[in-house]
Structure formats: C-alpha cells, structure tokens
C-alpha cells in the first residue's frame, strides 16, 4: 500500500525527514511513534500529497505521490492533527459538502454520508452545528470526512489529541473496525495508544527511523532489564538479600502494600535472564508461600528511550 524510499524533507537550515524508508502492507494498522518534532507530521503530509519532498520516492496504492498526485489523493483519507472544519455548518451538511468535493454525488453520496455518520457515531448529532459540538465529536466529524470517499488508506495525525479516556477508547475501537476495509497509518506521541492499537510501530526521532517492528517484538528484543514481581507470605527479614543473591537479579525492592500478610517484591533482572524458576526454587527451600510470580517485559516507552539514547551515543562517537 505504501512504499517509501530514501525520503528527505529539508527546510531552511533544518532537516525534518532524513532519508527514511519503509513499507506498509494492505490491511495493516501501523503506528508512527515519536516525540514532537520527530518528523511524523511532515512525512504524513508528503504521503497524502499535501506537501512536496526534497528528494526520495514515495508510492501509495501503486501511484507515485509526486507524479500522480490526484490518484493518490483519491486513494487517501487524511485527517490532520488540527482538522479544519466549517463550524457554521451542520454535521450532515458539512459531510455532504465534503463528499461532493471528493467526487461523490446523487444517491451514492447520500448513502455514503449516512454510512460514515453511523460508523463514527454522528447520527444523533447530524443536525447540530459543528460549532456546538464537543472536542470528541469534532474529532469524529474529521474522521468521517476522511472516510467519506471510502479511501484505501487512512492517514490519521494524532486522532486522539485532546480527547478524554472514554473518547480515546471509542476511537481505538473504531480503528479496529476500520482495518477490515482500510489500511491505517496512525501518528501519535502516546506510546500506549500504539501498543494497544497497532500491528507495527515505526519509531522516529529527529527525522530518522529508530525501529520498525511489531510492539511485542520490539519489547522482546530490547537489551534492557526486565521486572519480576513476587508476592509471598513470609516473615523472613533477609528475604530481599536472598532474592538479590539469585544470579541475574540486579536489585530487589520491597513494595509497601497496605493490609494483609503478603509481602510484595520487585526484582530488577539483567538482560538475558529469566529468574522465575530460581525464585520459585528459593521460595520452596525457604518455605515461603507464593501467591504470585510473573515477569513484565519492557514496554514501548522503555524501547524508545533506549533506542533514542543509543542513537545519541552513536552520533557522538561514544560507543562502548
């Protein structure tokens, strides 16, 4: 669906996108992840035909973005971070207007507007002025606008920006429904959103790609310590010292939990070690009653911090 090769975008005195390349297959939900200024929005604007690149090659749905701009725009539904809406129009009126601009008309236009209003939960507010809608409903209108011409590819820039937790969950569920008919490229700086929504994540920092893989694979490949949590019943005052004596345990911290006789320990474990079996063996030997023992893999925030730190070290020539 998307093929990007050596894409570069330069502004006066600054490189926003620095020779990146990636592929997106049909039906995937791919997250563009990175801090503000990483190059996410610039890349998405180029993919949607909104902005020219300095150099590189980009194809969307088989069309060259730079030579076949109209075909690309027909294949793409683009929702910018701050979607410009005509707030003095009613929801249904606005979506019909936008559908006509995108080449729809007659019965097919009216049918499609009805479909996207139903899909995006706008049917009950279809006769209300956009100016009177909440931030969450305005985001839904912007998403319906991006969907109204039934594009093959949806490019969504920070679609949950400014929404409350309930609205964020609703958008997340909607994206999962859309995957059956659309490929989705989703930009966000919220790591948890990518982790729970996307099949793949492309991490950007300072215009360069740090990683491109599934969230699970990125976490499992991370050369960082993992955490093992242990909940036991024991009065052994030396329990933390004994746990730290297990090979691979970097540090043991006892967490304070109100009420109950159970004690909670957090074990910080060196990369490459799985100490759960050794912890269970120690508990059996010491006659500790184990209620819970589980390992927590690093999350995307851990991945991004480590990759970004590694990139800075490489750039500075201070590899260890």
C-alpha atoms as a PDB file:
ATOM      1  CA  UNK A   1       0.000   0.000   0.000  1.00  0.00           C
ATOM      2  CA  UNK A   2       2.836   2.406   0.891  1.00  0.00           C
ATOM      3  CA  UNK A   3       6.412   2.264  -0.354  1.00  0.00           C
ATOM      4  CA  UNK A   4       8.840   4.939   0.849  1.00  0.00           C
ATOM      5  CA  UNK A   5      12.433   5.047  -0.332  1.00  0.00           C
ATOM      6  CA  UNK A   6      15.114   7.468   0.869  1.00  0.00           C
ATOM      7  CA  UNK A   7      12.582  10.191   1.674  1.00  0.00           C
ATOM      8  CA  UNK A   8      14.083  13.539   2.679  1.00  0.00           C
ATOM      9  CA  UNK A   9      12.484  16.865   3.522  1.00  0.00           C
ATOM     10  CA  UNK A  10      14.593  19.915   4.237  1.00  0.00           C
ATOM     11  CA  UNK A  11      13.586  23.342   5.407  1.00  0.00           C
ATOM     12  CA  UNK A  12      15.873  26.344   5.642  1.00  0.00           C
ATOM     13  CA  UNK A  13      18.636  25.284   7.985  1.00  0.00           C
ATOM     14  CA  UNK A  14      16.839  22.136   9.186  1.00  0.00           C
ATOM     15  CA  UNK A  15      16.259  18.565   8.024  1.00  0.00           C
ATOM     16  CA  UNK A  16      12.829  17.380   9.129  1.00  0.00           C
ATOM     17  CA  UNK A  17      12.968  13.948   7.446  1.00  0.00           C
ATOM     18  CA  UNK A  18      16.371  12.395   6.844  1.00  0.00           C
ATOM     19  CA  UNK A  19      16.459   9.657   4.187  1.00  0.00           C
ATOM     20  CA  UNK A  20      13.860   7.301   5.672  1.00  0.00           C
ATOM     21  CA  UNK A  21      12.355   4.215   4.017  1.00  0.00           C
ATOM     22  CA  UNK A  22       9.563   1.815   4.985  1.00  0.00           C
ATOM     23  CA  UNK A  23       6.704  -0.305   3.605  1.00  0.00           C
ATOM     24  CA  UNK A  24       3.097  -0.706   4.724  1.00  0.00           C
ATOM     25  CA  UNK A  25       1.064  -3.709   3.557  1.00  0.00           C
ATOM     26  CA  UNK A  26      -2.699  -3.568   2.808  1.00  0.00           C
ATOM     27  CA  UNK A  27      -4.839  -4.061   5.927  1.00  0.00           C
ATOM     28  CA  UNK A  28      -2.135  -3.132   8.423  1.00  0.00           C
ATOM     29  CA  UNK A  29      -2.507  -0.618  11.224  1.00  0.00           C
ATOM     30  CA  UNK A  30       0.910   0.993  11.513  1.00  0.00           C
ATOM     31  CA  UNK A  31       1.815   3.473  14.229  1.00  0.00           C
ATOM     32  CA  UNK A  32       4.134   6.397  13.612  1.00  0.00           C
ATOM     33  CA  UNK A  33       5.673   6.985  17.011  1.00  0.00           C
ATOM     34  CA  UNK A  34       7.968   9.733  18.213  1.00  0.00           C
ATOM     35  CA  UNK A  35       8.219  12.971  20.195  1.00  0.00           C
ATOM     36  CA  UNK A  36       7.107  16.314  18.855  1.00  0.00           C
ATOM     37  CA  UNK A  37       9.444  17.375  16.063  1.00  0.00           C
ATOM     38  CA  UNK A  38      10.396  13.805  15.119  1.00  0.00           C
ATOM     39  CA  UNK A  39       9.174  14.192  11.524  1.00  0.00           C
ATOM     40  CA  UNK A  40       5.861  12.319  11.809  1.00  0.00           C
ATOM     41  CA  UNK A  41       3.554  15.066  10.553  1.00  0.00           C
ATOM     42  CA  UNK A  42       5.916  16.087   7.755  1.00  0.00           C
ATOM     43  CA  UNK A  43       6.079  12.506   6.474  1.00  0.00           C
ATOM     44  CA  UNK A  44       2.296  12.119   6.596  1.00  0.00           C
ATOM     45  CA  UNK A  45       1.772  15.362   4.709  1.00  0.00           C
ATOM     46  CA  UNK A  46       4.102  14.146   1.984  1.00  0.00           C
ATOM     47  CA  UNK A  47       2.320  10.785   1.781  1.00  0.00           C
ATOM     48  CA  UNK A  48      -1.056  12.494   1.417  1.00  0.00           C
ATOM     49  CA  UNK A  49       0.157  14.830  -1.330  1.00  0.00           C
ATOM     50  CA  UNK A  50      -0.220  17.874   0.899  1.00  0.00           C
ATOM     51  CA  UNK A  51       3.482  18.748   0.824  1.00  0.00           C
ATOM     52  CA  UNK A  52       6.340  18.064  -1.645  1.00  0.00           C
ATOM     53  CA  UNK A  53       9.502  16.252  -0.595  1.00  0.00           C
ATOM     54  CA  UNK A  54      13.047  17.457  -1.158  1.00  0.00           C
ATOM     55  CA  UNK A  55      14.094  14.069  -2.524  1.00  0.00           C
ATOM     56  CA  UNK A  56      13.204  10.382  -2.472  1.00  0.00           C
ATOM     57  CA  UNK A  57      10.470   8.178  -3.899  1.00  0.00           C
ATOM     58  CA  UNK A  58       7.005   7.520  -2.477  1.00  0.00           C
ATOM     59  CA  UNK A  59       4.212   5.374  -3.915  1.00  0.00           C
ATOM     60  CA  UNK A  60       0.730   4.989  -2.428  1.00  0.00           C
ATOM     61  CA  UNK A  61      -1.674   2.349  -3.783  1.00  0.00           C
ATOM     62  CA  UNK A  62       0.667   1.929  -6.735  1.00  0.00           C
ATOM     63  CA  UNK A  63       0.762   5.630  -7.654  1.00  0.00           C
ATOM     64  CA  UNK A  64       3.764   7.912  -7.443  1.00  0.00           C
ATOM     65  CA  UNK A  65       2.913  10.701  -4.981  1.00  0.00           C
ATOM     66  CA  UNK A  66       4.856  13.297  -6.948  1.00  0.00           C
ATOM     67  CA  UNK A  67       3.745  12.387 -10.490  1.00  0.00           C
ATOM     68  CA  UNK A  68       0.191  11.136  -9.870  1.00  0.00           C
ATOM     69  CA  UNK A  69      -0.991  13.409  -7.071  1.00  0.00           C
ATOM     70  CA  UNK A  70      -4.708  13.275  -7.952  1.00  0.00           C
ATOM     71  CA  UNK A  71      -4.800   9.465  -7.991  1.00  0.00           C
ATOM     72  CA  UNK A  72      -3.036   9.373  -4.627  1.00  0.00           C
ATOM     73  CA  UNK A  73      -5.493  11.833  -3.093  1.00  0.00           C
ATOM     74  CA  UNK A  74      -8.409   9.700  -4.256  1.00  0.00           C
ATOM     75  CA  UNK A  75      -6.841   6.703  -2.501  1.00  0.00           C
ATOM     76  CA  UNK A  76      -6.059   8.533   0.736  1.00  0.00           C
ATOM     77  CA  UNK A  77      -8.231   9.830   3.557  1.00  0.00           C
ATOM     78  CA  UNK A  78      -6.162  12.333   5.524  1.00  0.00           C
ATOM     79  CA  UNK A  79      -7.089  13.595   8.981  1.00  0.00           C
ATOM     80  CA  UNK A  80      -4.667  16.304  10.153  1.00  0.00           C
ATOM     81  CA  UNK A  81      -3.985  16.913  13.823  1.00  0.00           C
ATOM     82  CA  UNK A  82      -5.975  20.160  13.878  1.00  0.00           C
ATOM     83  CA  UNK A  83      -8.627  19.305  11.308  1.00  0.00           C
ATOM     84  CA  UNK A  84     -10.100  22.468   9.722  1.00  0.00           C
ATOM     85  CA  UNK A  85     -13.885  22.218   9.970  1.00  0.00           C
ATOM     86  CA  UNK A  86     -16.524  24.691   8.810  1.00  0.00           C
ATOM     87  CA  UNK A  87     -18.054  25.231  12.230  1.00  0.00           C
ATOM     88  CA  UNK A  88     -21.017  27.243  10.914  1.00  0.00           C
ATOM     89  CA  UNK A  89     -22.307  24.186   9.021  1.00  0.00           C
ATOM     90  CA  UNK A  90     -24.344  21.294  10.387  1.00  0.00           C
ATOM     91  CA  UNK A  91     -22.700  17.870  10.561  1.00  0.00           C
ATOM     92  CA  UNK A  92     -24.703  16.247   7.761  1.00  0.00           C
ATOM     93  CA  UNK A  93     -24.483  19.359   5.599  1.00  0.00           C
ATOM     94  CA  UNK A  94     -20.727  19.525   6.040  1.00  0.00           C
ATOM     95  CA  UNK A  95     -20.156  15.854   5.203  1.00  0.00           C
ATOM     96  CA  UNK A  96     -22.314  16.125   2.064  1.00  0.00           C
ATOM     97  CA  UNK A  97     -20.321  19.182   1.011  1.00  0.00           C
ATOM     98  CA  UNK A  98     -17.037  17.354   1.561  1.00  0.00           C
ATOM     99  CA  UNK A  99     -18.316  14.271  -0.272  1.00  0.00           C
ATOM    100  CA  UNK A 100     -19.197  16.380  -3.312  1.00  0.00           C
ATOM    101  CA  UNK A 101     -15.731  17.939  -3.283  1.00  0.00           C
ATOM    102  CA  UNK A 102     -14.308  14.414  -3.375  1.00  0.00           C
ATOM    103  CA  UNK A 103     -16.329  13.457  -6.441  1.00  0.00           C
ATOM    104  CA  UNK A 104     -19.398  11.785  -4.938  1.00  0.00           C
ATOM    105  CA  UNK A 105     -22.916  12.711  -5.985  1.00  0.00           C
ATOM    106  CA  UNK A 106     -26.561  11.717  -6.024  1.00  0.00           C
ATOM    107  CA  UNK A 107     -27.712   8.570  -4.288  1.00  0.00           C
ATOM    108  CA  UNK A 108     -24.189   7.200  -3.752  1.00  0.00           C
ATOM    109  CA  UNK A 109     -23.196  10.399  -1.939  1.00  0.00           C
ATOM    110  CA  UNK A 110     -26.229  10.350   0.359  1.00  0.00           C
ATOM    111  CA  UNK A 111     -25.739   6.645   1.091  1.00  0.00           C
ATOM    112  CA  UNK A 112     -22.070   7.057   1.896  1.00  0.00           C
ATOM    113  CA  UNK A 113     -22.637  10.077   4.162  1.00  0.00           C
ATOM    114  CA  UNK A 114     -25.199   8.052   6.084  1.00  0.00           C
ATOM    115  CA  UNK A 115     -22.742   5.154   6.404  1.00  0.00           C
ATOM    116  CA  UNK A 116     -19.884   7.237   7.794  1.00  0.00           C
ATOM    117  CA  UNK A 117     -22.178   9.074  10.211  1.00  0.00           C
ATOM    118  CA  UNK A 118     -23.358   5.713  11.536  1.00  0.00           C
ATOM    119  CA  UNK A 119     -19.806   4.354  11.665  1.00  0.00           C
ATOM    120  CA  UNK A 120     -18.447   7.373  13.519  1.00  0.00           C
ATOM    121  CA  UNK A 121     -21.389   7.733  15.901  1.00  0.00           C
ATOM    122  CA  UNK A 122     -22.657  11.011  14.443  1.00  0.00           C
ATOM    123  CA  UNK A 123     -26.238  10.095  13.533  1.00  0.00           C
ATOM    124  CA  UNK A 124     -27.729  11.638  16.669  1.00  0.00           C
ATOM    125  CA  UNK A 125     -25.905  14.956  16.111  1.00  0.00           C
ATOM    126  CA  UNK A 126     -26.279  15.141  12.331  1.00  0.00           C
ATOM    127  CA  UNK A 127     -28.480  18.265  12.506  1.00  0.00           C
ATOM    128  CA  UNK A 128     -26.314  20.130  15.027  1.00  0.00           C
ATOM    129  CA  UNK A 129     -23.888  22.914  14.169  1.00  0.00           C
ATOM    130  CA  UNK A 130     -20.282  21.769  14.332  1.00  0.00           C
ATOM    131  CA  UNK A 131     -19.528  24.869  16.400  1.00  0.00           C
ATOM    132  CA  UNK A 132     -21.743  23.457  19.173  1.00  0.00           C
ATOM    133  CA  UNK A 133     -20.043  20.045  19.291  1.00  0.00           C
ATOM    134  CA  UNK A 134     -17.543  18.876  21.888  1.00  0.00           C
ATOM    135  CA  UNK A 135     -13.908  18.215  21.011  1.00  0.00           C
ATOM    136  CA  UNK A 136     -14.621  14.492  20.837  1.00  0.00           C
ATOM    137  CA  UNK A 137     -17.480  14.885  18.368  1.00  0.00           C
ATOM    138  CA  UNK A 138     -15.440  17.284  16.227  1.00  0.00           C
ATOM    139  CA  UNK A 139     -12.755  14.603  16.001  1.00  0.00           C
ATOM    140  CA  UNK A 140     -15.424  12.169  14.844  1.00  0.00           C
ATOM    141  CA  UNK A 141     -16.582  14.615  12.169  1.00  0.00           C
ATOM    142  CA  UNK A 142     -12.992  14.965  10.950  1.00  0.00           C
ATOM    143  CA  UNK A 143     -12.642  11.181  10.824  1.00  0.00           C
ATOM    144  CA  UNK A 144     -15.945  10.840   8.931  1.00  0.00           C
ATOM    145  CA  UNK A 145     -14.638  13.431   6.467  1.00  0.00           C
ATOM    146  CA  UNK A 146     -11.502  11.342   5.906  1.00  0.00           C
ATOM    147  CA  UNK A 147     -13.648   8.228   5.370  1.00  0.00           C
ATOM    148  CA  UNK A 148     -16.463   9.613   3.236  1.00  0.00           C
ATOM    149  CA  UNK A 149     -14.940   8.724  -0.157  1.00  0.00           C
ATOM    150  CA  UNK A 150     -14.072   5.199   1.085  1.00  0.00           C
ATOM    151  CA  UNK A 151     -10.281   5.502   0.663  1.00  0.00           C
ATOM    152  CA  UNK A 152      -7.916   2.551   0.606  1.00  0.00           C
ATOM    153  CA  UNK A 153      -5.546   4.291   3.010  1.00  0.00           C
ATOM    154  CA  UNK A 154      -6.329   6.326   6.120  1.00  0.00           C
ATOM    155  CA  UNK A 155      -3.632   8.695   7.367  1.00  0.00           C
ATOM    156  CA  UNK A 156      -4.504   9.939  10.845  1.00  0.00           C
ATOM    157  CA  UNK A 157      -2.335  12.530  12.589  1.00  0.00           C
ATOM    158  CA  UNK A 158      -2.870  12.486  16.372  1.00  0.00           C
ATOM    159  CA  UNK A 159      -6.543  11.399  16.134  1.00  0.00           C
ATOM    160  CA  UNK A 160      -6.941  11.145  19.922  1.00  0.00           C
ATOM    161  CA  UNK A 161      -5.349  14.510  20.704  1.00  0.00           C
ATOM    162  CA  UNK A 162      -7.399  16.375  23.323  1.00  0.00           C
ATOM    163  CA  UNK A 163      -9.864  13.538  23.940  1.00  0.00           C
ATOM    164  CA  UNK A 164     -10.838  12.162  27.324  1.00  0.00           C
ATOM    165  CA  UNK A 165     -10.149   8.485  28.219  1.00  0.00           C
ATOM    166  CA  UNK A 166     -13.633   7.322  27.191  1.00  0.00           C
ATOM    167  CA  UNK A 167     -13.379   9.066  23.810  1.00  0.00           C
ATOM    168  CA  UNK A 168      -9.882   7.665  23.261  1.00  0.00           C
ATOM    169  CA  UNK A 169     -11.202   4.147  23.847  1.00  0.00           C
ATOM    170  CA  UNK A 170     -14.021   4.761  21.363  1.00  0.00           C
ATOM    171  CA  UNK A 171     -11.587   5.935  18.687  1.00  0.00           C
ATOM    172  CA  UNK A 172      -9.387   2.902  19.388  1.00  0.00           C
ATOM    173  CA  UNK A 173     -12.331   0.519  18.898  1.00  0.00           C
ATOM    174  CA  UNK A 174     -13.343   2.326  15.708  1.00  0.00           C
ATOM    175  CA  UNK A 175      -9.861   1.902  14.255  1.00  0.00           C
ATOM    176  CA  UNK A 176     -10.046  -1.831  14.853  1.00  0.00           C
ATOM    177  CA  UNK A 177     -13.346  -1.925  12.925  1.00  0.00           C
ATOM    178  CA  UNK A 178     -11.855   0.039  10.031  1.00  0.00           C
ATOM    179  CA  UNK A 179      -8.982  -2.385   9.473  1.00  0.00           C
ATOM    180  CA  UNK A 180     -11.225  -4.811   7.578  1.00  0.00           C
ATOM    181  CA  UNK A 181     -11.604  -2.299   4.730  1.00  0.00           C
ATOM    182  CA  UNK A 182      -8.761   0.195   5.151  1.00  0.00           C
ATOM    183  CA  UNK A 183      -5.042   0.365   5.715  1.00  0.00           C
ATOM    184  CA  UNK A 184      -4.316   2.784   8.568  1.00  0.00           C
ATOM    185  CA  UNK A 185      -1.223   4.884   9.231  1.00  0.00           C
ATOM    186  CA  UNK A 186      -1.579   6.407  12.683  1.00  0.00           C
ATOM    187  CA  UNK A 187       0.655   9.116  14.098  1.00  0.00           C
ATOM    188  CA  UNK A 188       0.872   9.715  17.829  1.00  0.00           C
ATOM    189  CA  UNK A 189       3.277  10.600  20.602  1.00  0.00           C
ATOM    190  CA  UNK A 190       1.306   8.452  23.076  1.00  0.00           C
ATOM    191  CA  UNK A 191       3.182   5.171  23.307  1.00  0.00           C
ATOM    192  CA  UNK A 192       0.349   3.246  24.937  1.00  0.00           C
ATOM    193  CA  UNK A 193      -2.001   4.008  22.039  1.00  0.00           C
ATOM    194  CA  UNK A 194       0.380   2.408  19.553  1.00  0.00           C
ATOM    195  CA  UNK A 195       0.983  -0.548  21.850  1.00  0.00           C
ATOM    196  CA  UNK A 196      -2.704  -1.490  22.100  1.00  0.00           C
ATOM    197  CA  UNK A 197      -3.861  -0.491  18.605  1.00  0.00           C
ATOM    198  CA  UNK A 198      -1.169  -1.145  16.011  1.00  0.00           C
ATOM    199  CA  UNK A 199       0.222  -4.220  14.268  1.00  0.00           C
ATOM    200  CA  UNK A 200       3.533  -2.475  13.655  1.00  0.00           C
ATOM    201  CA  UNK A 201       5.281   0.558  15.007  1.00  0.00           C
ATOM    202  CA  UNK A 202       7.745   2.815  13.208  1.00  0.00           C
ATOM    203  CA  UNK A 203       9.736   4.843  15.711  1.00  0.00           C
ATOM    204  CA  UNK A 204      11.047   8.193  14.536  1.00  0.00           C
ATOM    205  CA  UNK A 205      13.416  10.584  16.235  1.00  0.00           C
ATOM    206  CA  UNK A 206      14.958  13.713  14.720  1.00  0.00           C
ATOM    207  CA  UNK A 207      13.841  12.704  11.226  1.00  0.00           C
ATOM    208  CA  UNK A 208      15.287   9.193  11.284  1.00  0.00           C
ATOM    209  CA  UNK A 209      13.779   5.751  11.834  1.00  0.00           C
ATOM    210  CA  UNK A 210      14.977   4.145  15.048  1.00  0.00           C
ATOM    211  CA  UNK A 211      12.974   0.918  14.703  1.00  0.00           C
ATOM    212  CA  UNK A 212      10.321  -0.785  12.570  1.00  0.00           C
ATOM    213  CA  UNK A 213       8.688  -3.896  14.038  1.00  0.00           C
ATOM    214  CA  UNK A 214       5.682  -5.159  15.980  1.00  0.00           C
ATOM    215  CA  UNK A 215       5.304  -3.752  19.512  1.00  0.00           C
ATOM    216  CA  UNK A 216       5.829  -7.211  21.021  1.00  0.00           C
ATOM    217  CA  UNK A 217       8.991  -7.899  19.022  1.00  0.00           C
ATOM    218  CA  UNK A 218      10.467  -4.522  19.865  1.00  0.00           C
ATOM    219  CA  UNK A 219       9.922  -5.123  23.558  1.00  0.00           C
ATOM    220  CA  UNK A 220      11.330  -8.650  23.444  1.00  0.00           C
ATOM    221  CA  UNK A 221      14.467  -7.554  21.545  1.00  0.00           C
ATOM    222  CA  UNK A 222      15.180  -4.687  23.904  1.00  0.00           C
ATOM    223  CA  UNK A 223      18.519  -5.002  25.648  1.00  0.00           C
ATOM    224  CA  UNK A 224      17.092  -3.704  28.908  1.00  0.00           C
ATOM    225  CA  UNK A 225      16.361  -5.167  32.286  1.00  0.00           C
ATOM    226  CA  UNK A 226      13.036  -6.858  32.877  1.00  0.00           C
ATOM    227  CA  UNK A 227      10.976  -6.851  36.045  1.00  0.00           C
ATOM    228  CA  UNK A 228       9.795  -9.881  38.012  1.00  0.00           C
ATOM    229  CA  UNK A 229       7.106  -9.325  40.616  1.00  0.00           C
ATOM    230  CA  UNK A 230       6.777 -11.667  43.575  1.00  0.00           C
ATOM    231  CA  UNK A 231       4.049 -11.818  46.202  1.00  0.00           C
ATOM    232  CA  UNK A 232       4.792 -14.166  49.094  1.00  0.00           C
ATOM    233  CA  UNK A 233       3.829 -14.891  52.674  1.00  0.00           C
ATOM    234  CA  UNK A 234       6.967 -14.886  54.819  1.00  0.00           C
ATOM    235  CA  UNK A 235       8.379 -13.176  57.911  1.00  0.00           C
ATOM    236  CA  UNK A 236      11.969 -13.707  56.762  1.00  0.00           C
ATOM    237  CA  UNK A 237      13.721 -10.331  57.241  1.00  0.00           C
ATOM    238  CA  UNK A 238      16.530 -11.429  54.947  1.00  0.00           C
ATOM    239  CA  UNK A 239      14.189 -12.223  52.051  1.00  0.00           C
ATOM    240  CA  UNK A 240      15.369  -9.219  49.926  1.00  0.00           C
ATOM    241  CA  UNK A 241      19.026 -10.176  50.412  1.00  0.00           C
ATOM    242  CA  UNK A 242      18.338 -13.795  49.499  1.00  0.00           C
ATOM    243  CA  UNK A 243      16.459 -12.746  46.367  1.00  0.00           C
ATOM    244  CA  UNK A 244      19.321 -10.462  45.325  1.00  0.00           C
ATOM    245  CA  UNK A 245      21.617 -13.458  45.656  1.00  0.00           C
ATOM    246  CA  UNK A 246      19.961 -15.147  42.671  1.00  0.00           C
ATOM    247  CA  UNK A 247      22.097 -14.935  39.539  1.00  0.00           C
ATOM    248  CA  UNK A 248      20.723 -12.278  37.211  1.00  0.00           C
ATOM    249  CA  UNK A 249      18.870 -10.267  39.854  1.00  0.00           C
ATOM    250  CA  UNK A 250      20.244  -6.740  39.769  1.00  0.00           C
ATOM    251  CA  UNK A 251      18.173  -5.334  42.618  1.00  0.00           C
ATOM    252  CA  UNK A 252      15.306  -6.356  44.884  1.00  0.00           C
ATOM    253  CA  UNK A 253      12.886  -3.738  46.201  1.00  0.00           C
ATOM    254  CA  UNK A 254      10.113  -4.422  48.684  1.00  0.00           C
ATOM    255  CA  UNK A 255       6.952  -2.507  47.855  1.00  0.00           C
ATOM    256  CA  UNK A 256       4.674  -1.277  50.590  1.00  0.00           C
ATOM    257  CA  UNK A 257       1.098  -2.526  50.330  1.00  0.00           C
ATOM    258  CA  UNK A 258      -1.482  -1.670  52.964  1.00  0.00           C
ATOM    259  CA  UNK A 259      -3.189  -4.539  54.779  1.00  0.00           C
ATOM    260  CA  UNK A 260      -2.637  -8.284  54.614  1.00  0.00           C
ATOM    261  CA  UNK A 261       0.260 -10.552  55.489  1.00  0.00           C
ATOM    262  CA  UNK A 262       1.587 -10.831  51.944  1.00  0.00           C
ATOM    263  CA  UNK A 263       4.845  -9.150  51.016  1.00  0.00           C
ATOM    264  CA  UNK A 264       5.466  -7.688  47.564  1.00  0.00           C
ATOM    265  CA  UNK A 265       8.899  -7.682  45.936  1.00  0.00           C
ATOM    266  CA  UNK A 266      10.026  -6.165  42.636  1.00  0.00           C
ATOM    267  CA  UNK A 267      13.118  -7.800  41.136  1.00  0.00           C
ATOM    268  CA  UNK A 268      15.066  -5.861  38.518  1.00  0.00           C
ATOM    269  CA  UNK A 269      16.619  -8.552  36.290  1.00  0.00           C
ATOM    270  CA  UNK A 270      19.639  -8.308  33.989  1.00  0.00           C
ATOM    271  CA  UNK A 271      19.076  -8.678  30.206  1.00  0.00           C
ATOM    272  CA  UNK A 272      19.023 -12.283  29.034  1.00  0.00           C
ATOM    273  CA  UNK A 273      17.988 -13.785  32.369  1.00  0.00           C
ATOM    274  CA  UNK A 274      14.686 -15.392  33.353  1.00  0.00           C
ATOM    275  CA  UNK A 275      14.883 -15.884  37.103  1.00  0.00           C
ATOM    276  CA  UNK A 276      11.347 -17.123  37.775  1.00  0.00           C
ATOM    277  CA  UNK A 277      12.370 -20.764  38.161  1.00  0.00           C
ATOM    278  CA  UNK A 278      15.183 -19.832  40.546  1.00  0.00           C
ATOM    279  CA  UNK A 279      12.837 -17.613  42.571  1.00  0.00           C
ATOM    280  CA  UNK A 280      10.338 -20.460  42.870  1.00  0.00           C
ATOM    281  CA  UNK A 281      13.110 -22.838  43.948  1.00  0.00           C
ATOM    282  CA  UNK A 282      14.263 -20.372  46.633  1.00  0.00           C
ATOM    283  CA  UNK A 283      10.709 -19.928  47.896  1.00  0.00           C
ATOM    284  CA  UNK A 284      10.274 -23.693  48.156  1.00  0.00           C
ATOM    285  CA  UNK A 285      13.561 -24.094  50.036  1.00  0.00           C
ATOM    286  CA  UNK A 286      12.728 -21.260  52.449  1.00  0.00           C
ATOM    287  CA  UNK A 287       9.103 -22.420  52.872  1.00  0.00           C
ATOM    288  CA  UNK A 288       7.685 -19.141  51.550  1.00  0.00           C
ATOM    289  CA  UNK A 289       4.109 -19.401  50.346  1.00  0.00           C
ATOM    290  CA  UNK A 290       3.915 -17.890  46.855  1.00  0.00           C
ATOM    291  CA  UNK A 291       0.734 -16.155  45.764  1.00  0.00           C
ATOM    292  CA  UNK A 292       2.023 -14.543  42.580  1.00  0.00           C
ATOM    293  CA  UNK A 293       5.150 -14.699  40.433  1.00  0.00           C
ATOM    294  CA  UNK A 294       5.255 -13.100  36.993  1.00  0.00           C
ATOM    295  CA  UNK A 295       7.584 -11.297  34.608  1.00  0.00           C
ATOM    296  CA  UNK A 296       6.908  -7.930  32.986  1.00  0.00           C
ATOM    297  CA  UNK A 297       8.526  -7.287  29.610  1.00  0.00           C
ATOM    298  CA  UNK A 298       9.666  -3.751  28.720  1.00  0.00           C
ATOM    299  CA  UNK A 299       7.009  -1.553  27.132  1.00  0.00           C
ATOM    300  CA  UNK A 300       7.333   0.763  24.146  1.00  0.00           C
ATOM    301  CA  UNK A 301       8.398   3.654  26.335  1.00  0.00           C
ATOM    302  CA  UNK A 302      11.393   1.613  27.512  1.00  0.00           C
ATOM    303  CA  UNK A 303      12.153   0.678  23.904  1.00  0.00           C
ATOM    304  CA  UNK A 304      12.021   4.241  22.651  1.00  0.00           C
ATOM    305  CA  UNK A 305      14.150   5.664  25.468  1.00  0.00           C
ATOM    306  CA  UNK A 306      16.850   3.036  24.969  1.00  0.00           C
ATOM    307  CA  UNK A 307      16.896   3.348  21.175  1.00  0.00           C
ATOM    308  CA  UNK A 308      16.992   7.136  21.303  1.00  0.00           C
ATOM    309  CA  UNK A 309      19.805   7.025  23.850  1.00  0.00           C
ATOM    310  CA  UNK A 310      21.745   4.543  21.689  1.00  0.00           C
ATOM    311  CA  UNK A 311      21.303   6.761  18.639  1.00  0.00           C
ATOM    312  CA  UNK A 312      22.714   9.751  20.525  1.00  0.00           C
ATOM    313  CA  UNK A 313      25.717   7.705  21.664  1.00  0.00           C
ATOM    314  CA  UNK A 314      26.418   6.543  18.095  1.00  0.00           C
ATOM    315  CA  UNK A 315      26.086  10.085  16.769  1.00  0.00           C
ATOM    316  CA  UNK A 316      28.541  11.356  19.367  1.00  0.00           C
ATOM    317  CA  UNK A 317      31.062   8.621  18.626  1.00  0.00           C
ATOM    318  CA  UNK A 318      30.997   7.328  22.178  1.00  0.00           C
ATOM    319  CA  UNK A 319      30.159   3.701  21.579  1.00  0.00           C
ATOM    320  CA  UNK A 320      31.038   1.420  24.472  1.00  0.00           C
END
